[in-house]
Amino acid sequence: MNLTFVKKPHMEEYTILGASDDQFAKNIVKDNKVSFNISFKTKTYLYISVFSGRNRFNFNERSDYAMKNNIKFAEKTEMNYFSGQAYRHYYFVYNKKQNKEILEKHLLSLTERLLTNILHINELVNLDTFEINVQVPEKILEA
């Protein structure tokens, strides 16, 4: 898997009521890539979403790598305005210790989880050439 950090665009376009998991998975298999969009929720908490095409999903979760390496997260319970249900988010805490290098390992682990445990398409993509594009704020690129 090849992970690349790129500058987050000033304007973004995506579908609020996106595709089903099946359609999302088909897009990832067809393109052999997935993208993450990262923004600061607070000064140090990172909001992570995963997208393919115009479909985007919140992905503020702890990865296997993060749990094995005791990576710090801010745990927050928030309401989903569409469903009215409470959801627990785990915001990655970005600081001097948990820097871009740790974030990269976390994102690689999240991608493996997405492909294997959530969408079940790990055998349908070519992992040797699979691309992960990560749109990040300039502050992270400069680090």
N, C-alpha and C. Protein backbone atom coordinates (compact mmCIF):
# COMPACT_ATOMS: atom_id res chain seq x y z
N MET A 1 0.85 -1.18 0.00
CA MET A 1 0.00 0.00 0.00
C MET A 1 0.89 1.24 0.00
N ASN A 2 0.51 2.20 -0.82
CA ASN A 2 1.26 3.45 -0.93
C ASN A 2 0.43 4.58 -0.35
N LEU A 3 0.94 5.22 0.69
CA LEU A 3 0.23 6.32 1.34
C LEU A 3 0.91 7.63 0.99
N THR A 4 0.10 8.61 0.55
CA THR A 4 0.62 9.91 0.15
C THR A 4 -0.18 11.01 0.85
N PHE A 5 0.54 11.93 1.48
CA PHE A 5 -0.09 13.10 2.09
C PHE A 5 -0.13 14.22 1.05
N VAL A 6 -1.29 14.84 0.91
CA VAL A 6 -1.45 15.98 0.00
C VAL A 6 -2.17 17.11 0.75
N LYS A 7 -1.99 18.33 0.26
CA LYS A 7 -2.65 19.47 0.87
C LYS A 7 -4.16 19.38 0.67
N LYS A 8 -4.87 19.63 1.74
CA LYS A 8 -6.32 19.62 1.70
C LYS A 8 -6.83 20.77 0.83
N PRO A 9 -7.77 20.49 -0.09
CA PRO A 9 -8.29 21.57 -0.94
C PRO A 9 -9.13 22.57 -0.14
N HIS A 10 -9.20 23.80 -0.63
CA HIS A 10 -10.00 24.82 0.05
C HIS A 10 -11.49 24.54 -0.08
N MET A 11 -11.91 24.01 -1.22
CA MET A 11 -13.31 23.67 -1.46
C MET A 11 -13.43 22.17 -1.64
N GLU A 12 -14.51 21.61 -1.11
CA GLU A 12 -14.75 20.18 -1.22
C GLU A 12 -16.18 19.93 -1.65
N GLU A 13 -16.37 18.85 -2.38
CA GLU A 13 -17.71 18.48 -2.81
C GLU A 13 -17.91 17.00 -2.50
N TYR A 14 -19.00 16.71 -1.84
CA TYR A 14 -19.32 15.32 -1.56
C TYR A 14 -20.81 15.19 -1.33
N THR A 15 -21.29 13.95 -1.37
CA THR A 15 -22.70 13.65 -1.21
C THR A 15 -23.00 13.41 0.26
N ILE A 16 -23.97 14.11 0.80
CA ILE A 16 -24.32 13.95 2.21
C ILE A 16 -24.96 12.59 2.44
N LEU A 17 -25.93 12.25 1.67
CA LEU A 17 -26.56 10.93 1.77
C LEU A 17 -25.92 10.05 0.71
N GLY A 18 -24.78 9.48 1.05
CA GLY A 18 -23.94 8.77 0.09
C GLY A 18 -24.45 7.40 -0.30
N ALA A 19 -23.58 6.71 -1.00
CA ALA A 19 -23.88 5.38 -1.50
C ALA A 19 -23.92 4.37 -0.37
N SER A 20 -24.45 3.22 -0.67
CA SER A 20 -24.44 2.11 0.29
C SER A 20 -23.01 1.61 0.45
N ASP A 21 -22.79 0.78 1.45
CA ASP A 21 -21.47 0.19 1.64
C ASP A 21 -21.04 -0.60 0.41
N ASP A 22 -22.00 -1.27 -0.25
CA ASP A 22 -21.68 -2.06 -1.45
C ASP A 22 -21.15 -1.16 -2.57
N GLN A 23 -21.82 -0.03 -2.81
CA GLN A 23 -21.39 0.88 -3.86
C GLN A 23 -20.05 1.52 -3.49
N PHE A 24 -19.90 1.86 -2.24
CA PHE A 24 -18.64 2.43 -1.75
C PHE A 24 -17.50 1.44 -1.99
N ALA A 25 -17.73 0.17 -1.66
CA ALA A 25 -16.73 -0.88 -1.86
C ALA A 25 -16.41 -1.06 -3.34
N LYS A 26 -17.43 -1.03 -4.20
CA LYS A 26 -17.21 -1.17 -5.65
C LYS A 26 -16.33 -0.05 -6.18
N ASN A 27 -16.55 1.17 -5.69
CA ASN A 27 -15.72 2.30 -6.12
C ASN A 27 -14.27 2.10 -5.73
N ILE A 28 -14.04 1.61 -4.52
CA ILE A 28 -12.68 1.39 -4.04
C ILE A 28 -11.99 0.30 -4.87
N VAL A 29 -12.70 -0.79 -5.16
CA VAL A 29 -12.13 -1.87 -5.96
C VAL A 29 -11.83 -1.38 -7.37
N LYS A 30 -12.77 -0.65 -7.96
CA LYS A 30 -12.59 -0.16 -9.34
C LYS A 30 -11.38 0.77 -9.43
N ASP A 31 -11.25 1.69 -8.47
CA ASP A 31 -10.15 2.68 -8.51
C ASP A 31 -8.86 2.16 -7.89
N ASN A 32 -8.94 1.07 -7.13
CA ASN A 32 -7.81 0.52 -6.37
C ASN A 32 -7.18 1.60 -5.48
N LYS A 33 -8.05 2.41 -4.89
CA LYS A 33 -7.57 3.45 -3.98
C LYS A 33 -8.68 3.90 -3.05
N VAL A 34 -8.26 4.52 -1.96
CA VAL A 34 -9.17 5.13 -1.01
C VAL A 34 -8.53 6.44 -0.58
N SER A 35 -9.35 7.36 -0.15
CA SER A 35 -8.84 8.66 0.28
C SER A 35 -9.35 8.97 1.68
N PHE A 36 -8.53 9.68 2.42
CA PHE A 36 -8.91 10.17 3.74
C PHE A 36 -8.88 11.69 3.69
N ASN A 37 -9.79 12.30 4.41
CA ASN A 37 -9.81 13.75 4.56
C ASN A 37 -9.66 14.02 6.05
N ILE A 38 -8.66 14.79 6.40
CA ILE A 38 -8.38 15.05 7.80
C ILE A 38 -8.47 16.55 8.06
N SER A 39 -9.16 16.89 9.14
CA SER A 39 -9.24 18.30 9.55
C SER A 39 -9.14 18.36 11.06
N PHE A 40 -8.84 19.54 11.55
CA PHE A 40 -8.75 19.72 12.99
C PHE A 40 -10.14 19.96 13.56
N LYS A 41 -10.56 19.11 14.48
CA LYS A 41 -11.82 19.29 15.20
C LYS A 41 -11.62 20.35 16.29
N THR A 42 -10.47 20.30 16.93
CA THR A 42 -10.02 21.31 17.89
C THR A 42 -8.56 21.61 17.55
N LYS A 43 -7.88 22.25 18.42
CA LYS A 43 -6.47 22.58 18.17
C LYS A 43 -5.61 21.32 18.01
N THR A 44 -5.96 20.24 18.69
CA THR A 44 -5.16 19.00 18.62
C THR A 44 -5.94 17.76 18.19
N TYR A 45 -7.27 17.77 18.20
CA TYR A 45 -8.06 16.60 17.83
C TYR A 45 -8.28 16.57 16.32
N LEU A 46 -7.99 15.42 15.71
CA LEU A 46 -8.17 15.28 14.27
C LEU A 46 -9.47 14.56 13.95
N TYR A 47 -10.23 15.13 13.01
CA TYR A 47 -11.45 14.53 12.49
C TYR A 47 -11.05 13.80 11.20
N ILE A 48 -11.34 12.52 11.13
CA ILE A 48 -10.95 11.71 9.97
C ILE A 48 -12.19 11.19 9.26
N SER A 49 -12.22 11.40 7.96
CA SER A 49 -13.28 10.78 7.16
C SER A 49 -12.63 10.05 5.99
N VAL A 50 -13.30 9.02 5.53
CA VAL A 50 -12.81 8.23 4.42
C VAL A 50 -13.76 8.46 3.25
N PHE A 51 -13.20 8.58 2.03
CA PHE A 51 -14.08 8.77 0.90
C PHE A 51 -13.55 8.11 -0.36
N SER A 52 -14.47 7.86 -1.25
CA SER A 52 -14.18 7.34 -2.57
C SER A 52 -15.20 7.98 -3.50
N GLY A 53 -14.72 8.62 -4.53
CA GLY A 53 -15.63 9.38 -5.39
C GLY A 53 -16.21 10.53 -4.59
N ARG A 54 -17.53 10.70 -4.64
CA ARG A 54 -18.19 11.77 -3.90
C ARG A 54 -18.81 11.28 -2.59
N ASN A 55 -18.56 10.03 -2.24
CA ASN A 55 -19.15 9.46 -1.04
C ASN A 55 -18.14 9.48 0.11
N ARG A 56 -18.59 10.00 1.23
CA ARG A 56 -17.71 10.19 2.39
C ARG A 56 -18.37 9.64 3.64
N PHE A 57 -17.55 9.01 4.48
CA PHE A 57 -18.04 8.47 5.74
C PHE A 57 -17.09 8.87 6.86
N ASN A 58 -17.65 9.20 8.00
CA ASN A 58 -16.88 9.49 9.20
C ASN A 58 -16.10 8.23 9.59
N PHE A 59 -14.83 8.39 9.96
CA PHE A 59 -14.02 7.23 10.32
C PHE A 59 -13.13 7.54 11.52
N ASN A 60 -13.73 8.09 12.56
CA ASN A 60 -13.01 8.44 13.79
C ASN A 60 -13.01 7.25 14.73
N GLU A 61 -12.13 6.32 14.45
CA GLU A 61 -12.05 5.09 15.21
C GLU A 61 -10.61 4.80 15.61
N ARG A 62 -10.46 3.91 16.56
CA ARG A 62 -9.12 3.46 16.95
C ARG A 62 -8.73 2.29 16.05
N SER A 63 -7.52 2.33 15.55
CA SER A 63 -7.02 1.24 14.71
C SER A 63 -6.35 0.19 15.58
N ASP A 64 -6.09 -0.97 14.99
CA ASP A 64 -5.37 -2.02 15.71
C ASP A 64 -4.00 -1.51 16.14
N TYR A 65 -3.33 -0.81 15.24
CA TYR A 65 -2.02 -0.23 15.56
C TYR A 65 -2.13 0.69 16.77
N ALA A 66 -3.13 1.53 16.79
CA ALA A 66 -3.30 2.48 17.89
C ALA A 66 -3.54 1.77 19.21
N MET A 67 -4.35 0.73 19.20
CA MET A 67 -4.65 0.01 20.44
C MET A 67 -3.42 -0.75 20.95
N LYS A 68 -2.64 -1.32 20.03
CA LYS A 68 -1.44 -2.06 20.45
C LYS A 68 -0.34 -1.14 20.95
N ASN A 69 -0.32 0.11 20.48
CA ASN A 69 0.76 1.03 20.82
C ASN A 69 0.33 2.15 21.76
N ASN A 70 -0.84 1.99 22.35
CA ASN A 70 -1.33 2.93 23.35
C ASN A 70 -1.37 4.39 22.85
N ILE A 71 -1.89 4.55 21.64
CA ILE A 71 -2.03 5.88 21.06
C ILE A 71 -3.20 6.59 21.73
N LYS A 72 -3.04 7.87 22.02
CA LYS A 72 -4.08 8.63 22.72
C LYS A 72 -5.15 9.14 21.75
N PHE A 73 -6.40 9.02 22.22
CA PHE A 73 -7.55 9.52 21.48
C PHE A 73 -8.44 10.30 22.44
N ALA A 74 -9.15 11.25 21.89
CA ALA A 74 -10.17 11.95 22.67
C ALA A 74 -11.50 11.25 22.36
N GLU A 75 -12.11 10.68 23.37
CA GLU A 75 -13.37 9.96 23.18
C GLU A 75 -14.53 10.90 23.44
N LYS A 76 -15.38 11.09 22.43
CA LYS A 76 -16.53 11.99 22.54
C LYS A 76 -17.78 11.29 22.03
N THR A 77 -18.87 11.51 22.72
CA THR A 77 -20.16 11.00 22.25
C THR A 77 -20.93 12.17 21.66
N GLU A 78 -21.37 12.01 20.41
CA GLU A 78 -22.07 13.08 19.71
C GLU A 78 -23.30 12.50 19.02
N MET A 79 -24.24 13.36 18.73
CA MET A 79 -25.48 12.94 18.07
C MET A 79 -25.35 13.00 16.56
N ASN A 80 -25.96 12.03 15.89
CA ASN A 80 -26.08 12.07 14.44
C ASN A 80 -27.40 12.76 14.13
N TYR A 81 -27.34 13.87 13.40
CA TYR A 81 -28.55 14.66 13.14
C TYR A 81 -29.56 13.95 12.25
N PHE A 82 -29.08 13.02 11.39
CA PHE A 82 -30.00 12.32 10.49
C PHE A 82 -30.73 11.18 11.19
N SER A 83 -29.98 10.41 12.00
CA SER A 83 -30.59 9.23 12.63
C SER A 83 -31.11 9.53 14.03
N GLY A 84 -30.59 10.57 14.67
CA GLY A 84 -30.98 10.88 16.04
C GLY A 84 -30.32 9.98 17.06
N GLN A 85 -29.34 9.18 16.63
CA GLN A 85 -28.64 8.27 17.53
C GLN A 85 -27.32 8.88 17.99
N ALA A 86 -26.91 8.47 19.17
CA ALA A 86 -25.61 8.89 19.69
C ALA A 86 -24.51 7.98 19.13
N TYR A 87 -23.39 8.59 18.75
CA TYR A 87 -22.25 7.85 18.25
C TYR A 87 -21.02 8.24 19.04
N ARG A 88 -20.18 7.25 19.30
CA ARG A 88 -18.93 7.51 19.99
C ARG A 88 -17.83 7.71 18.95
N HIS A 89 -17.15 8.84 19.05
CA HIS A 89 -16.04 9.15 18.16
C HIS A 89 -14.74 9.09 18.94
N TYR A 90 -13.70 8.62 18.28
CA TYR A 90 -12.36 8.61 18.85
C TYR A 90 -11.49 9.50 17.97
N TYR A 91 -11.24 10.72 18.45
CA TYR A 91 -10.45 11.68 17.69
C TYR A 91 -8.97 11.48 18.00
N PHE A 92 -8.19 11.28 16.95
CA PHE A 92 -6.74 11.14 17.09
C PHE A 92 -6.19 12.44 17.67
N VAL A 93 -5.35 12.33 18.70
CA VAL A 93 -4.75 13.51 19.32
C VAL A 93 -3.41 13.76 18.64
N TYR A 94 -3.33 14.87 17.92
CA TYR A 94 -2.11 15.22 17.17
C TYR A 94 -1.26 16.16 18.01
N ASN A 95 -0.04 15.74 18.32
CA ASN A 95 0.87 16.56 19.10
C ASN A 95 2.30 16.18 18.75
N LYS A 96 3.27 16.65 19.54
CA LYS A 96 4.68 16.37 19.23
C LYS A 96 5.00 14.88 19.29
N LYS A 97 4.39 14.18 20.24
CA LYS A 97 4.61 12.74 20.39
C LYS A 97 3.85 11.94 19.34
N GLN A 98 2.62 12.32 19.11
CA GLN A 98 1.76 11.65 18.11
C GLN A 98 1.73 12.51 16.86
N ASN A 99 2.79 12.39 16.09
CA ASN A 99 3.01 13.27 14.94
C ASN A 99 2.56 12.61 13.64
N LYS A 100 3.04 13.17 12.55
CA LYS A 100 2.68 12.70 11.21
C LYS A 100 3.06 11.24 10.99
N GLU A 101 4.19 10.83 11.52
CA GLU A 101 4.66 9.45 11.37
C GLU A 101 3.70 8.47 12.07
N ILE A 102 3.25 8.80 13.27
CA ILE A 102 2.30 7.95 14.01
C ILE A 102 0.95 7.98 13.30
N LEU A 103 0.55 9.14 12.82
CA LEU A 103 -0.71 9.27 12.07
C LEU A 103 -0.70 8.38 10.84
N GLU A 104 0.43 8.34 10.13
CA GLU A 104 0.54 7.50 8.94
C GLU A 104 0.34 6.02 9.29
N LYS A 105 0.97 5.56 10.35
CA LYS A 105 0.82 4.16 10.77
C LYS A 105 -0.62 3.86 11.18
N HIS A 106 -1.24 4.82 11.85
CA HIS A 106 -2.66 4.68 12.24
C HIS A 106 -3.54 4.56 10.99
N LEU A 107 -3.30 5.40 9.99
CA LEU A 107 -4.11 5.38 8.77
C LEU A 107 -3.91 4.09 7.97
N LEU A 108 -2.69 3.58 7.93
CA LEU A 108 -2.45 2.29 7.25
C LEU A 108 -3.24 1.18 7.94
N SER A 109 -3.25 1.21 9.26
CA SER A 109 -3.99 0.20 10.02
C SER A 109 -5.50 0.36 9.83
N LEU A 110 -5.97 1.61 9.80
CA LEU A 110 -7.40 1.86 9.53
C LEU A 110 -7.79 1.35 8.15
N THR A 111 -6.91 1.54 7.17
CA THR A 111 -7.20 1.09 5.80
C THR A 111 -7.31 -0.43 5.76
N GLU A 112 -6.40 -1.12 6.43
CA GLU A 112 -6.48 -2.59 6.48
C GLU A 112 -7.80 -3.03 7.11
N ARG A 113 -8.20 -2.35 8.18
CA ARG A 113 -9.46 -2.68 8.84
C ARG A 113 -10.65 -2.42 7.92
N LEU A 114 -10.62 -1.30 7.22
CA LEU A 114 -11.70 -0.96 6.28
C LEU A 114 -11.83 -2.02 5.20
N LEU A 115 -10.72 -2.40 4.59
CA LEU A 115 -10.74 -3.36 3.49
C LEU A 115 -11.09 -4.77 3.95
N THR A 116 -10.60 -5.16 5.13
CA THR A 116 -10.75 -6.54 5.60
C THR A 116 -12.01 -6.76 6.43
N ASN A 117 -12.21 -5.95 7.46
CA ASN A 117 -13.28 -6.22 8.43
C ASN A 117 -14.59 -5.50 8.16
N ILE A 118 -14.54 -4.36 7.48
CA ILE A 118 -15.76 -3.59 7.28
C ILE A 118 -16.36 -3.85 5.90
N LEU A 119 -15.56 -3.69 4.84
CA LEU A 119 -16.07 -3.87 3.48
C LEU A 119 -15.81 -5.27 2.91
N HIS A 120 -14.90 -6.02 3.51
CA HIS A 120 -14.57 -7.39 3.09
C HIS A 120 -14.14 -7.46 1.63
N ILE A 121 -13.25 -6.56 1.24
CA ILE A 121 -12.80 -6.52 -0.17
C ILE A 121 -11.28 -6.64 -0.29
N ASN A 122 -10.59 -7.04 0.78
CA ASN A 122 -9.13 -7.09 0.76
C ASN A 122 -8.59 -8.01 -0.33
N GLU A 123 -9.33 -9.05 -0.69
CA GLU A 123 -8.87 -9.96 -1.74
C GLU A 123 -9.23 -9.46 -3.14
N LEU A 124 -10.03 -8.40 -3.22
CA LEU A 124 -10.44 -7.88 -4.52
C LEU A 124 -9.58 -6.71 -5.00
N VAL A 125 -8.73 -6.19 -4.12
CA VAL A 125 -7.85 -5.08 -4.50
C VAL A 125 -6.41 -5.58 -4.58
N ASN A 126 -5.61 -4.89 -5.35
CA ASN A 126 -4.20 -5.21 -5.46
C ASN A 126 -3.45 -4.41 -4.40
N LEU A 127 -3.10 -5.04 -3.30
CA LEU A 127 -2.49 -4.33 -2.18
C LEU A 127 -1.10 -3.79 -2.51
N ASP A 128 -0.42 -4.41 -3.49
CA ASP A 128 0.91 -3.93 -3.88
C ASP A 128 0.84 -2.54 -4.51
N THR A 129 -0.23 -2.28 -5.24
CA THR A 129 -0.35 -0.98 -5.92
C THR A 129 -1.48 -0.12 -5.34
N PHE A 130 -2.10 -0.58 -4.26
CA PHE A 130 -3.22 0.13 -3.67
C PHE A 130 -2.77 1.50 -3.17
N GLU A 131 -3.54 2.53 -3.51
CA GLU A 131 -3.17 3.89 -3.15
C GLU A 131 -4.06 4.45 -2.06
N ILE A 132 -3.42 5.14 -1.12
CA ILE A 132 -4.13 5.83 -0.05
C ILE A 132 -3.74 7.29 -0.13
N ASN A 133 -4.69 8.13 -0.50
CA ASN A 133 -4.45 9.57 -0.57
C ASN A 133 -5.00 10.21 0.70
N VAL A 134 -4.18 11.00 1.35
CA VAL A 134 -4.58 11.61 2.61
C VAL A 134 -4.53 13.13 2.46
N GLN A 135 -5.69 13.75 2.46
CA GLN A 135 -5.78 15.21 2.39
C GLN A 135 -5.67 15.76 3.80
N VAL A 136 -4.66 16.58 4.04
CA VAL A 136 -4.41 17.10 5.38
C VAL A 136 -4.24 18.62 5.36
N PRO A 137 -4.48 19.27 6.50
CA PRO A 137 -4.21 20.70 6.60
C PRO A 137 -2.71 20.97 6.44
N GLU A 138 -2.38 22.17 6.02
CA GLU A 138 -1.00 22.55 5.79
C GLU A 138 -0.10 22.33 7.00
N LYS A 139 -0.64 22.55 8.18
CA LYS A 139 0.12 22.38 9.43
C LYS A 139 0.71 20.98 9.54
N ILE A 140 0.00 19.98 9.10
CA ILE A 140 0.48 18.61 9.16
C ILE A 140 1.50 18.35 8.04
N LEU A 141 1.25 18.91 6.86
CA LEU A 141 2.20 18.74 5.75
C LEU A 141 3.57 19.32 6.09
N GLU A 142 3.57 20.43 6.78
CA GLU A 142 4.82 21.11 7.10
C GLU A 142 5.62 20.43 8.19
N ALA A 143 4.97 19.54 8.94
CA ALA A 143 5.66 18.88 10.07
C ALA A 143 6.73 17.93 9.60
